[in-house]
Amino acid sequence: MREFEKEFKTPWVTVNGPRTYYKDHSSKLYQHDTTPFMYVIEMKTKKVIARKLPAEQLEDFLSRVQDIKLPFEAKKPDVKKSKQ
């Protein structure tokens, strides 16, 4: 995990742990029942403003919320349709 964060210079916090610790502790602490899971945390107050948000809805959610600015530029994947 550290190598991934270092290589991709992720500006977000990544949490990972053994399955037993994850199942018994973090699921109770953070109220989640699936993996992976995503929380959106407001940077100034450190409060959770969204959880159980599907990845497909993240960009739309962030565009609707004022005062939230990404600390990096989000890029959409370049998907080219193949000609048949």
Protein backbone atom coordinates (compact mmCIF):
# COMPACT_ATOMS: atom_id res chain seq x y z
CA MET A 1 0.00 0.00 0.00
CA ARG A 2 2.81 2.43 0.81
CA GLU A 3 4.39 1.80 -2.58
CA PHE A 4 1.07 2.57 -4.29
CA GLU A 5 0.65 5.85 -2.38
CA LYS A 6 4.24 6.84 -3.09
CA GLU A 7 4.09 5.99 -6.80
CA PHE A 8 0.75 7.67 -7.49
CA LYS A 9 1.16 10.50 -4.94
CA THR A 10 -2.41 10.13 -3.69
CA PRO A 11 -3.67 13.21 -1.81
CA TRP A 12 -6.22 11.18 0.13
CA VAL A 13 -5.89 8.95 3.18
CA THR A 14 -5.82 5.26 2.39
CA VAL A 15 -6.73 2.82 5.15
CA ASN A 16 -5.91 -0.85 4.96
CA GLY A 17 -5.58 -3.57 7.55
CA PRO A 18 -5.80 -7.29 8.22
CA ARG A 19 -9.20 -8.81 7.52
CA THR A 20 -9.83 -9.75 11.15
CA TYR A 21 -9.05 -6.23 12.34
CA TYR A 22 -11.03 -4.75 9.47
CA LYS A 23 -14.09 -6.92 10.10
CA ASP A 24 -14.17 -6.60 13.86
CA HIS A 25 -13.01 -3.05 14.37
CA SER A 26 -13.28 -0.72 11.40
CA SER A 27 -16.71 -1.92 10.28
CA LYS A 28 -18.10 -1.04 13.71
CA LEU A 29 -16.14 2.19 13.95
CA TYR A 30 -17.00 3.48 10.46
CA GLN A 31 -20.34 1.73 9.93
CA HIS A 32 -19.62 -0.02 6.65
CA ASP A 33 -20.38 -3.51 5.50
CA THR A 34 -18.64 -3.75 2.12
CA THR A 35 -15.22 -3.17 0.64
CA PRO A 36 -14.03 -1.05 -0.87
CA PHE A 37 -15.97 1.81 0.63
CA MET A 38 -15.65 5.55 0.25
CA TYR A 39 -16.24 8.48 2.55
CA VAL A 40 -16.12 12.15 1.54
CA ILE A 41 -14.70 14.26 4.35
CA GLU A 42 -14.97 18.05 4.44
CA MET A 43 -11.40 19.31 4.69
CA LYS A 44 -11.93 22.19 7.13
CA THR A 45 -14.17 20.52 9.70
CA LYS A 46 -13.03 16.92 9.08
CA LYS A 47 -16.68 15.82 9.13
CA VAL A 48 -18.04 13.03 6.95
CA ILE A 49 -20.37 14.61 4.37
CA ALA A 50 -21.04 11.50 2.29
CA ARG A 51 -20.69 7.76 2.72
CA LYS A 52 -21.68 4.70 0.75
CA LEU A 53 -21.37 6.90 -2.32
CA PRO A 54 -20.83 4.87 -5.50
CA ALA A 55 -17.65 5.86 -7.34
CA GLU A 56 -19.70 6.70 -10.44
CA GLN A 57 -21.49 9.45 -8.47
CA LEU A 58 -18.44 11.02 -6.82
CA GLU A 59 -17.69 13.62 -9.50
CA ASP A 60 -21.34 14.69 -9.69
CA PHE A 61 -21.57 14.90 -5.89
CA LEU A 62 -18.45 17.04 -5.61
CA SER A 63 -19.62 19.37 -8.38
CA ARG A 64 -22.84 20.00 -6.43
CA VAL A 65 -21.21 20.74 -3.10
CA GLN A 66 -19.92 24.27 -2.74
CA ASP A 67 -16.68 25.05 -0.91
CA ILE A 68 -15.17 21.70 -1.78
CA LYS A 69 -12.19 21.89 -4.04
CA LEU A 70 -10.11 18.92 -5.00
CA PRO A 71 -6.44 19.29 -4.06
CA PHE A 72 -5.61 17.77 -7.44
CA GLU A 73 -7.04 17.81 -10.94
CA ALA A 74 -9.39 14.91 -11.55
CA LYS A 75 -9.01 13.50 -15.03
CA LYS A 76 -11.55 11.43 -16.91
CA PRO A 77 -10.21 8.33 -18.62
CA ASP A 78 -9.69 8.65 -22.36
CA VAL A 79 -12.14 6.15 -23.78
CA LYS A 80 -12.06 5.82 -27.54
CA LYS A 81 -14.75 3.86 -29.30
CA SER A 82 -13.40 1.31 -31.69
CA LYS A 83 -14.76 1.38 -35.23
CA GLN A 84 -16.34 -1.83 -36.40
